[in-house]
Amino acid sequence: MVDRDALPSAQAVSLRINHSRPGAAFQLDELSKAIIEKLQQDGRRSYAGIGKAVGLSEAAVRQRVQRMADAGVMQIVAVTDPMQLGFARQAMIGIRCTGDTTKIADKLAAIESVDYVVLTAGSFDAIVEVVCEDDGDLLDLLNTKIRAVPGVISTETLVYLKLVKQQYNWGTR
């Protein structure tokens, strides 16, 4: 058994739910929502422990989790602290575009340093979050990859100075 208190918080496993995945027509019943909430509280919780808490067998919980993951309703991932892994620069980049923003977003999503892409309304057409080794890496990313995507008109970079809060436990509402 792993002593959870001995593990750094950067190794905590968390759950990320993608509410806007196209084609993910998956109905969540109360039991599936309860399973998600248990995993959001502790992503390392055993299927048997979750089953006991929600009134299902271990096998039934395993099957539901697999179906939800296969449908793109959720993914279970290790959430890390980029600073502790040698990535000293994180930033959010607002992007103004021309043309088909969905095609531009797909090209932005294919860039390795980009970990988050959303299409937006307002001042920016898209917003991306990036994780880089340092400022030089960020500058190279902006100049040779992001601004090089056809249709990108301009960017505005918001450099992270300190991550104060990051959580993925908002429940299923």
N, C-alpha and C. Protein backbone atom coordinates (compact mmCIF):
# COMPACT_ATOMS: atom_id res chain seq x y z
N MET A 1 0.85 -1.19 0.00
CA MET A 1 0.00 0.00 0.00
C MET A 1 0.88 1.24 0.00
N VAL A 2 0.50 2.25 -0.76
CA VAL A 2 1.25 3.48 -0.89
C VAL A 2 0.86 4.43 0.22
N ASP A 3 1.87 5.04 0.86
CA ASP A 3 1.61 6.07 1.85
C ASP A 3 1.34 7.37 1.11
N ARG A 4 0.08 7.74 0.99
CA ARG A 4 -0.30 8.91 0.19
C ARG A 4 0.29 10.19 0.74
N ASP A 5 0.49 10.28 2.05
CA ASP A 5 1.06 11.49 2.63
C ASP A 5 2.52 11.65 2.26
N ALA A 6 3.18 10.55 1.86
CA ALA A 6 4.59 10.61 1.50
C ALA A 6 4.78 11.07 0.05
N LEU A 7 3.72 11.07 -0.74
CA LEU A 7 3.83 11.49 -2.14
C LEU A 7 3.68 12.99 -2.25
N PRO A 8 4.49 13.65 -3.09
CA PRO A 8 4.29 15.08 -3.30
C PRO A 8 2.96 15.32 -3.98
N SER A 9 2.36 16.47 -3.72
CA SER A 9 1.04 16.76 -4.29
C SER A 9 1.06 16.77 -5.80
N ALA A 10 2.22 16.99 -6.40
CA ALA A 10 2.30 17.01 -7.86
C ALA A 10 2.02 15.64 -8.46
N GLN A 11 2.05 14.59 -7.64
CA GLN A 11 1.77 13.26 -8.15
C GLN A 11 0.32 12.86 -7.97
N ALA A 12 -0.49 13.74 -7.43
CA ALA A 12 -1.89 13.40 -7.21
C ALA A 12 -2.57 13.13 -8.54
N VAL A 13 -3.43 12.16 -8.55
CA VAL A 13 -4.18 11.83 -9.76
C VAL A 13 -5.49 12.58 -9.71
N SER A 14 -5.85 13.18 -10.79
CA SER A 14 -7.07 13.97 -10.84
C SER A 14 -7.91 13.57 -12.03
N LEU A 15 -9.08 14.10 -12.11
CA LEU A 15 -10.04 13.78 -13.16
C LEU A 15 -10.33 15.06 -13.94
N ARG A 16 -10.35 14.94 -15.23
CA ARG A 16 -10.69 16.07 -16.06
C ARG A 16 -11.90 15.70 -16.90
N ILE A 17 -12.95 16.48 -16.82
CA ILE A 17 -14.16 16.21 -17.57
C ILE A 17 -14.24 17.18 -18.73
N ASN A 18 -14.49 16.66 -19.92
CA ASN A 18 -14.62 17.48 -21.11
C ASN A 18 -16.11 17.56 -21.44
N HIS A 19 -16.75 18.66 -21.03
CA HIS A 19 -18.20 18.81 -21.22
C HIS A 19 -18.56 19.16 -22.65
N SER A 20 -17.61 19.55 -23.48
CA SER A 20 -17.95 20.05 -24.81
C SER A 20 -17.45 19.15 -25.94
N ARG A 21 -17.09 17.93 -25.65
CA ARG A 21 -16.59 17.03 -26.69
C ARG A 21 -17.72 16.70 -27.65
N PRO A 22 -17.55 17.02 -28.93
CA PRO A 22 -18.62 16.75 -29.88
C PRO A 22 -18.85 15.25 -30.06
N GLY A 23 -20.11 14.88 -30.16
CA GLY A 23 -20.44 13.49 -30.41
C GLY A 23 -20.47 12.62 -29.16
N ALA A 24 -20.17 13.20 -28.01
CA ALA A 24 -20.16 12.42 -26.78
C ALA A 24 -21.56 12.43 -26.17
N ALA A 25 -22.49 11.73 -26.81
CA ALA A 25 -23.86 11.65 -26.32
C ALA A 25 -23.92 10.57 -25.25
N PHE A 26 -23.60 10.93 -24.05
CA PHE A 26 -23.51 10.00 -22.95
C PHE A 26 -24.36 10.53 -21.81
N GLN A 27 -25.34 9.76 -21.40
CA GLN A 27 -26.21 10.17 -20.32
C GLN A 27 -25.62 9.72 -18.99
N LEU A 28 -25.45 10.66 -18.09
CA LEU A 28 -24.95 10.35 -16.76
C LEU A 28 -26.12 10.16 -15.81
N ASP A 29 -26.23 8.96 -15.23
CA ASP A 29 -27.24 8.77 -14.20
C ASP A 29 -26.61 9.14 -12.86
N GLU A 30 -27.39 9.07 -11.80
CA GLU A 30 -26.90 9.49 -10.48
C GLU A 30 -25.71 8.65 -10.01
N LEU A 31 -25.71 7.34 -10.34
CA LEU A 31 -24.58 6.49 -9.94
C LEU A 31 -23.30 6.89 -10.66
N SER A 32 -23.38 7.17 -11.94
CA SER A 32 -22.19 7.60 -12.69
C SER A 32 -21.68 8.94 -12.16
N LYS A 33 -22.59 9.84 -11.85
CA LYS A 33 -22.19 11.12 -11.26
C LYS A 33 -21.49 10.91 -9.92
N ALA A 34 -22.02 10.00 -9.12
CA ALA A 34 -21.41 9.72 -7.82
C ALA A 34 -20.01 9.14 -7.99
N ILE A 35 -19.84 8.28 -8.98
CA ILE A 35 -18.51 7.71 -9.26
C ILE A 35 -17.54 8.82 -9.65
N ILE A 36 -17.96 9.71 -10.52
CA ILE A 36 -17.11 10.83 -10.93
C ILE A 36 -16.72 11.67 -9.73
N GLU A 37 -17.68 11.98 -8.89
CA GLU A 37 -17.39 12.81 -7.72
C GLU A 37 -16.40 12.12 -6.78
N LYS A 38 -16.51 10.82 -6.61
CA LYS A 38 -15.56 10.08 -5.77
C LYS A 38 -14.16 10.14 -6.39
N LEU A 39 -14.08 10.00 -7.71
CA LEU A 39 -12.78 10.07 -8.38
C LEU A 39 -12.20 11.48 -8.32
N GLN A 40 -13.05 12.49 -8.36
CA GLN A 40 -12.56 13.86 -8.24
C GLN A 40 -12.01 14.13 -6.85
N GLN A 41 -12.57 13.49 -5.85
CA GLN A 41 -12.05 13.65 -4.49
C GLN A 41 -10.71 12.95 -4.33
N ASP A 42 -10.57 11.78 -4.98
CA ASP A 42 -9.34 11.00 -4.89
C ASP A 42 -9.26 10.09 -6.10
N GLY A 43 -8.49 10.49 -7.09
CA GLY A 43 -8.36 9.72 -8.32
C GLY A 43 -7.69 8.38 -8.16
N ARG A 44 -7.07 8.14 -6.99
CA ARG A 44 -6.41 6.85 -6.72
C ARG A 44 -7.30 5.90 -5.94
N ARG A 45 -8.51 6.32 -5.67
CA ARG A 45 -9.43 5.50 -4.90
C ARG A 45 -9.73 4.21 -5.67
N SER A 46 -9.79 3.11 -4.98
CA SER A 46 -10.02 1.81 -5.63
C SER A 46 -11.46 1.69 -6.11
N TYR A 47 -11.65 0.87 -7.14
CA TYR A 47 -13.01 0.61 -7.63
C TYR A 47 -13.85 -0.04 -6.54
N ALA A 48 -13.23 -0.89 -5.74
CA ALA A 48 -13.96 -1.53 -4.63
C ALA A 48 -14.41 -0.48 -3.63
N GLY A 49 -13.53 0.47 -3.29
CA GLY A 49 -13.89 1.54 -2.36
C GLY A 49 -14.99 2.43 -2.90
N ILE A 50 -14.91 2.74 -4.18
CA ILE A 50 -15.96 3.55 -4.81
C ILE A 50 -17.27 2.77 -4.81
N GLY A 51 -17.19 1.49 -5.17
CA GLY A 51 -18.38 0.65 -5.20
C GLY A 51 -19.08 0.61 -3.86
N LYS A 52 -18.29 0.48 -2.80
CA LYS A 52 -18.86 0.44 -1.45
C LYS A 52 -19.57 1.77 -1.14
N ALA A 53 -18.96 2.88 -1.56
CA ALA A 53 -19.54 4.20 -1.28
C ALA A 53 -20.80 4.48 -2.07
N VAL A 54 -20.90 3.93 -3.29
CA VAL A 54 -22.06 4.25 -4.14
C VAL A 54 -23.05 3.09 -4.27
N GLY A 55 -22.73 1.95 -3.68
CA GLY A 55 -23.66 0.82 -3.70
C GLY A 55 -23.58 -0.06 -4.94
N LEU A 56 -22.40 -0.16 -5.54
CA LEU A 56 -22.19 -1.03 -6.71
C LEU A 56 -21.04 -1.98 -6.45
N SER A 57 -20.96 -3.02 -7.25
CA SER A 57 -19.83 -3.92 -7.15
C SER A 57 -18.59 -3.28 -7.78
N GLU A 58 -17.44 -3.82 -7.45
CA GLU A 58 -16.19 -3.34 -8.03
C GLU A 58 -16.23 -3.45 -9.56
N ALA A 59 -16.73 -4.57 -10.07
CA ALA A 59 -16.80 -4.79 -11.51
C ALA A 59 -17.73 -3.77 -12.18
N ALA A 60 -18.84 -3.46 -11.54
CA ALA A 60 -19.79 -2.50 -12.12
C ALA A 60 -19.17 -1.10 -12.18
N VAL A 61 -18.42 -0.74 -11.14
CA VAL A 61 -17.75 0.56 -11.15
C VAL A 61 -16.69 0.59 -12.25
N ARG A 62 -15.91 -0.47 -12.36
CA ARG A 62 -14.87 -0.55 -13.40
C ARG A 62 -15.49 -0.38 -14.79
N GLN A 63 -16.61 -1.06 -15.03
CA GLN A 63 -17.28 -0.97 -16.33
C GLN A 63 -17.80 0.44 -16.61
N ARG A 64 -18.39 1.06 -15.61
CA ARG A 64 -18.91 2.42 -15.80
C ARG A 64 -17.77 3.41 -16.06
N VAL A 65 -16.70 3.29 -15.31
CA VAL A 65 -15.55 4.18 -15.51
C VAL A 65 -15.01 4.00 -16.93
N GLN A 66 -14.89 2.76 -17.37
CA GLN A 66 -14.37 2.49 -18.71
C GLN A 66 -15.30 3.06 -19.79
N ARG A 67 -16.61 2.89 -19.61
CA ARG A 67 -17.56 3.43 -20.59
C ARG A 67 -17.49 4.96 -20.65
N MET A 68 -17.38 5.60 -19.49
CA MET A 68 -17.29 7.06 -19.46
C MET A 68 -15.98 7.54 -20.09
N ALA A 69 -14.91 6.84 -19.83
CA ALA A 69 -13.62 7.21 -20.45
C ALA A 69 -13.66 6.99 -21.96
N ASP A 70 -14.22 5.86 -22.39
CA ASP A 70 -14.32 5.57 -23.83
C ASP A 70 -15.19 6.61 -24.55
N ALA A 71 -16.22 7.11 -23.87
CA ALA A 71 -17.12 8.09 -24.47
C ALA A 71 -16.54 9.51 -24.44
N GLY A 72 -15.40 9.69 -23.77
CA GLY A 72 -14.81 11.02 -23.69
C GLY A 72 -15.44 11.89 -22.63
N VAL A 73 -16.26 11.32 -21.76
CA VAL A 73 -16.89 12.07 -20.68
C VAL A 73 -15.85 12.50 -19.67
N MET A 74 -14.85 11.66 -19.46
CA MET A 74 -13.81 11.97 -18.48
C MET A 74 -12.52 11.27 -18.86
N GLN A 75 -11.45 11.73 -18.25
CA GLN A 75 -10.18 11.03 -18.32
C GLN A 75 -9.54 11.11 -16.94
N ILE A 76 -8.83 10.09 -16.59
CA ILE A 76 -8.15 10.07 -15.31
C ILE A 76 -6.67 10.24 -15.62
N VAL A 77 -6.09 11.31 -15.07
CA VAL A 77 -4.71 11.65 -15.39
C VAL A 77 -3.96 12.06 -14.12
N ALA A 78 -2.65 12.02 -14.19
CA ALA A 78 -1.81 12.55 -13.13
C ALA A 78 -1.62 14.03 -13.41
N VAL A 79 -2.01 14.87 -12.48
CA VAL A 79 -1.83 16.31 -12.62
C VAL A 79 -0.51 16.66 -11.95
N THR A 80 0.39 17.25 -12.73
CA THR A 80 1.71 17.55 -12.21
C THR A 80 1.91 19.05 -12.05
N ASP A 81 2.95 19.40 -11.33
CA ASP A 81 3.37 20.78 -11.20
C ASP A 81 4.49 20.99 -12.21
N PRO A 82 4.23 21.71 -13.32
CA PRO A 82 5.25 21.88 -14.35
C PRO A 82 6.57 22.42 -13.83
N MET A 83 6.53 23.31 -12.83
CA MET A 83 7.77 23.88 -12.27
C MET A 83 8.67 22.78 -11.70
N GLN A 84 8.07 21.80 -11.06
CA GLN A 84 8.86 20.72 -10.46
C GLN A 84 9.41 19.75 -11.50
N LEU A 85 8.89 19.84 -12.73
CA LEU A 85 9.35 18.96 -13.80
C LEU A 85 10.27 19.67 -14.79
N GLY A 86 10.71 20.89 -14.44
CA GLY A 86 11.66 21.61 -15.27
C GLY A 86 11.04 22.54 -16.30
N PHE A 87 9.76 22.80 -16.19
CA PHE A 87 9.09 23.73 -17.11
C PHE A 87 8.82 25.02 -16.34
N ALA A 88 9.74 25.98 -16.48
CA ALA A 88 9.71 27.19 -15.67
C ALA A 88 8.78 28.27 -16.21
N ARG A 89 8.23 28.11 -17.39
CA ARG A 89 7.39 29.15 -17.96
C ARG A 89 6.06 28.59 -18.44
N GLN A 90 4.98 29.11 -17.88
CA GLN A 90 3.64 28.80 -18.34
C GLN A 90 2.99 30.12 -18.77
N ALA A 91 2.12 30.04 -19.75
CA ALA A 91 1.45 31.26 -20.21
C ALA A 91 0.11 30.90 -20.84
N MET A 92 -0.77 31.86 -20.82
CA MET A 92 -2.04 31.80 -21.54
C MET A 92 -1.88 32.77 -22.69
N ILE A 93 -2.23 32.33 -23.89
CA ILE A 93 -2.05 33.17 -25.08
C ILE A 93 -3.40 33.38 -25.75
N GLY A 94 -3.80 34.64 -25.84
CA GLY A 94 -5.00 35.00 -26.58
C GLY A 94 -4.64 35.17 -28.04
N ILE A 95 -5.44 34.60 -28.93
CA ILE A 95 -5.11 34.60 -30.35
C ILE A 95 -6.28 35.18 -31.15
N ARG A 96 -5.95 36.12 -32.02
CA ARG A 96 -6.93 36.66 -32.96
C ARG A 96 -6.67 36.02 -34.31
N CYS A 97 -7.74 35.61 -34.97
CA CYS A 97 -7.61 34.83 -36.21
C CYS A 97 -8.50 35.39 -37.30
N THR A 98 -8.24 34.90 -38.49
CA THR A 98 -9.12 35.13 -39.62
C THR A 98 -9.36 33.79 -40.28
N GLY A 99 -10.55 33.59 -40.81
CA GLY A 99 -10.85 32.31 -41.44
C GLY A 99 -11.54 31.36 -40.48
N ASP A 100 -11.44 30.09 -40.79
CA ASP A 100 -12.12 29.04 -40.02
C ASP A 100 -11.36 28.77 -38.72
N THR A 101 -11.91 29.25 -37.62
CA THR A 101 -11.22 29.12 -36.33
C THR A 101 -11.10 27.67 -35.87
N THR A 102 -12.02 26.82 -36.29
CA THR A 102 -11.92 25.41 -35.88
C THR A 102 -10.70 24.75 -36.50
N LYS A 103 -10.38 25.09 -37.74
CA LYS A 103 -9.19 24.54 -38.39
C LYS A 103 -7.92 25.08 -37.73
N ILE A 104 -7.94 26.36 -37.39
CA ILE A 104 -6.80 26.97 -36.70
C ILE A 104 -6.62 26.32 -35.33
N ALA A 105 -7.72 26.11 -34.62
CA ALA A 105 -7.65 25.48 -33.30
C ALA A 105 -7.06 24.07 -33.39
N ASP A 106 -7.43 23.33 -34.42
CA ASP A 106 -6.87 21.99 -34.61
C ASP A 106 -5.36 22.06 -34.81
N LYS A 107 -4.88 23.05 -35.58
CA LYS A 107 -3.44 23.20 -35.80
C LYS A 107 -2.73 23.62 -34.51
N LEU A 108 -3.35 24.49 -33.74
CA LEU A 108 -2.77 24.90 -32.46
C LEU A 108 -2.71 23.71 -31.50
N ALA A 109 -3.75 22.90 -31.48
CA ALA A 109 -3.81 21.75 -30.58
C ALA A 109 -2.73 20.72 -30.91
N ALA A 110 -2.27 20.71 -32.15
CA ALA A 110 -1.24 19.75 -32.56
C ALA A 110 0.17 20.15 -32.10
N ILE A 111 0.32 21.37 -31.59
CA ILE A 111 1.63 21.84 -31.12
C ILE A 111 1.91 21.22 -29.75
N GLU A 112 3.04 20.58 -29.61
CA GLU A 112 3.36 19.81 -28.39
C GLU A 112 3.29 20.64 -27.11
N SER A 113 3.76 21.86 -27.11
CA SER A 113 3.79 22.68 -25.90
C SER A 113 2.43 23.22 -25.50
N VAL A 114 1.46 23.12 -26.38
CA VAL A 114 0.11 23.60 -26.10
C VAL A 114 -0.66 22.50 -25.37
N ASP A 115 -1.17 22.83 -24.17
CA ASP A 115 -1.90 21.80 -23.42
C ASP A 115 -3.39 22.09 -23.27
N TYR A 116 -3.84 23.22 -23.80
CA TYR A 116 -5.25 23.61 -23.63
C TYR A 116 -5.61 24.54 -24.77
N VAL A 117 -6.71 24.29 -25.44
CA VAL A 117 -7.16 25.14 -26.55
C VAL A 117 -8.68 25.31 -26.43
N VAL A 118 -9.13 26.56 -26.46
CA VAL A 118 -10.56 26.83 -26.50
C VAL A 118 -10.85 27.90 -27.54
N LEU A 119 -11.98 27.77 -28.21
CA LEU A 119 -12.47 28.82 -29.09
C LEU A 119 -13.37 29.71 -28.25
N THR A 120 -13.26 31.01 -28.44
CA THR A 120 -13.96 31.94 -27.57
C THR A 120 -14.69 33.01 -28.37
N ALA A 121 -15.53 33.75 -27.67
CA ALA A 121 -16.17 34.94 -28.21
C ALA A 121 -15.60 36.12 -27.43
N GLY A 122 -15.46 37.24 -28.07
CA GLY A 122 -14.92 38.41 -27.38
C GLY A 122 -13.65 38.89 -28.05
N SER A 123 -12.71 39.35 -27.26
CA SER A 123 -11.48 39.94 -27.79
C SER A 123 -10.61 38.94 -28.55
N PHE A 124 -10.67 37.68 -28.17
CA PHE A 124 -9.85 36.66 -28.81
C PHE A 124 -10.75 35.61 -29.46
N ASP A 125 -10.24 35.04 -30.53
CA ASP A 125 -10.96 33.96 -31.20
C ASP A 125 -10.63 32.61 -30.57
N ALA A 126 -9.41 32.52 -30.03
CA ALA A 126 -8.96 31.29 -29.38
C ALA A 126 -8.04 31.66 -28.23
N ILE A 127 -8.00 30.79 -27.25
CA ILE A 127 -7.06 30.93 -26.14
C ILE A 127 -6.36 29.60 -25.98
N VAL A 128 -5.05 29.64 -25.83
CA VAL A 128 -4.27 28.43 -25.59
C VAL A 128 -3.44 28.61 -24.34
N GLU A 129 -3.22 27.51 -23.65
CA GLU A 129 -2.30 27.50 -22.52
C GLU A 129 -1.08 26.72 -22.96
N VAL A 130 0.10 27.23 -22.60
CA VAL A 130 1.34 26.57 -22.99
C VAL A 130 2.22 26.34 -21.77
N VAL A 131 3.04 25.31 -21.86
CA VAL A 131 4.02 24.99 -20.84
C VAL A 131 5.37 24.91 -21.54
N CYS A 132 6.31 25.74 -21.11
CA CYS A 132 7.62 25.84 -21.77
C CYS A 132 8.74 25.71 -20.75
N GLU A 133 9.93 25.37 -21.25
CA GLU A 133 11.09 25.24 -20.36
C GLU A 133 11.52 26.58 -19.79
N ASP A 134 11.50 27.62 -20.62
CA ASP A 134 11.96 28.94 -20.18
C ASP A 134 11.44 30.00 -21.14
N ASP A 135 11.85 31.25 -20.93
CA ASP A 135 11.37 32.35 -21.78
C ASP A 135 11.82 32.18 -23.23
N GLY A 136 13.02 31.67 -23.44
CA GLY A 136 13.50 31.44 -24.80
C GLY A 136 12.63 30.42 -25.53
N ASP A 137 12.25 29.39 -24.83
CA ASP A 137 11.36 28.36 -25.39
C ASP A 137 10.00 28.97 -25.73
N LEU A 138 9.49 29.84 -24.85
CA LEU A 138 8.22 30.52 -25.11
C LEU A 138 8.32 31.42 -26.34
N LEU A 139 9.40 32.18 -26.43
CA LEU A 139 9.59 33.07 -27.58
C LEU A 139 9.66 32.27 -28.88
N ASP A 140 10.39 31.16 -28.86
CA ASP A 140 10.49 30.31 -30.05
C ASP A 140 9.12 29.73 -30.41
N LEU A 141 8.38 29.29 -29.41
CA LEU A 141 7.03 28.75 -29.64
C LEU A 141 6.13 29.79 -30.30
N LEU A 142 6.16 31.01 -29.79
CA LEU A 142 5.34 32.08 -30.35
C LEU A 142 5.74 32.39 -31.79
N ASN A 143 7.03 32.57 -32.03
CA ASN A 143 7.51 33.02 -33.34
C ASN A 143 7.47 31.94 -34.41
N THR A 144 7.84 30.72 -34.06
CA THR A 144 7.99 29.70 -35.10
C THR A 144 6.83 28.73 -35.21
N LYS A 145 5.96 28.71 -34.21
CA LYS A 145 4.85 27.75 -34.26
C LYS A 145 3.49 28.43 -34.24
N ILE A 146 3.20 29.18 -33.18
CA ILE A 146 1.85 29.74 -33.04
C ILE A 146 1.59 30.82 -34.09
N ARG A 147 2.48 31.79 -34.20
CA ARG A 147 2.27 32.87 -35.18
C ARG A 147 2.45 32.39 -36.61
N ALA A 148 3.05 31.23 -36.79
CA ALA A 148 3.25 30.66 -38.13
C ALA A 148 2.02 29.92 -38.65
N VAL A 149 1.04 29.69 -37.78
CA VAL A 149 -0.19 29.00 -38.21
C VAL A 149 -0.96 29.93 -39.14
N PRO A 150 -1.27 29.48 -40.35
CA PRO A 150 -2.04 30.33 -41.28
C PRO A 150 -3.37 30.75 -40.66
N GLY A 151 -3.67 32.04 -40.73
CA GLY A 151 -4.90 32.57 -40.17
C GLY A 151 -4.71 33.27 -38.84
N VAL A 152 -3.57 33.06 -38.17
CA VAL A 152 -3.29 33.76 -36.92
C VAL A 152 -2.89 35.19 -37.25
N ILE A 153 -3.64 36.14 -36.74
CA ILE A 153 -3.38 37.56 -37.01
C ILE A 153 -2.50 38.17 -35.93
N SER A 154 -2.84 37.90 -34.67
CA SER A 154 -2.06 38.47 -33.57
C SER A 154 -2.22 37.61 -32.32
N THR A 155 -1.29 37.81 -31.39
CA THR A 155 -1.33 37.09 -30.12
C THR A 155 -1.12 38.07 -28.98
N GLU A 156 -1.64 37.71 -27.82
CA GLU A 156 -1.36 38.45 -26.60
C GLU A 156 -1.02 37.41 -25.52
N THR A 157 0.17 37.52 -24.97
CA THR A 157 0.66 36.51 -24.04
C THR A 157 0.55 36.99 -22.60
N LEU A 158 -0.08 36.18 -21.78
CA LEU A 158 -0.19 36.43 -20.35
C LEU A 158 0.68 35.41 -19.64
N VAL A 159 1.83 35.85 -19.15
CA VAL A 159 2.80 34.96 -18.52
C VAL A 159 2.37 34.70 -17.07
N TYR A 160 2.40 33.44 -16.68
CA TYR A 160 2.05 33.06 -15.31
C TYR A 160 3.23 33.39 -14.39
N LEU A 161 2.97 34.12 -13.32
CA LEU A 161 4.00 34.40 -12.33
C LEU A 161 3.96 33.38 -11.19
N LYS A 162 2.75 32.96 -10.83
CA LYS A 162 2.59 31.99 -9.75
C LYS A 162 1.25 31.30 -9.90
N LEU A 163 1.24 29.99 -9.83
CA LEU A 163 -0.01 29.23 -9.84
C LEU A 163 -0.53 29.20 -8.41
N VAL A 164 -1.65 29.83 -8.19
CA VAL A 164 -2.22 29.94 -6.84
C VAL A 164 -3.22 28.82 -6.58
N LYS A 165 -4.03 28.49 -7.58
CA LYS A 165 -5.05 27.46 -7.39
C LYS A 165 -5.30 26.74 -8.71
N GLN A 166 -5.37 25.44 -8.63
CA GLN A 166 -5.75 24.61 -9.77
C GLN A 166 -6.48 23.41 -9.20
N GLN A 167 -7.71 23.24 -9.59
CA GLN A 167 -8.46 22.10 -9.09
C GLN A 167 -9.38 21.55 -10.16
N TYR A 168 -9.75 20.32 -9.99
CA TYR A 168 -10.63 19.64 -10.94
C TYR A 168 -11.74 18.91 -10.20
N ASN A 169 -12.23 19.50 -9.13
CA ASN A 169 -13.21 18.80 -8.29
C ASN A 169 -14.54 19.55 -8.23
N TRP A 170 -14.98 20.09 -9.34
CA TRP A 170 -16.21 20.87 -9.34
C TRP A 170 -17.47 20.02 -9.33
N GLY A 171 -17.33 18.73 -9.35
CA GLY A 171 -18.51 17.86 -9.28
C GLY A 171 -19.19 17.71 -10.61
N THR A 172 -20.39 17.17 -10.59
CA THR A 172 -21.12 16.90 -11.82
C THR A 172 -22.35 17.76 -11.97
N ARG A 173 -22.69 18.49 -10.95
CA ARG A 173 -23.85 19.42 -10.94
C ARG A 173 -25.03 18.78 -11.58
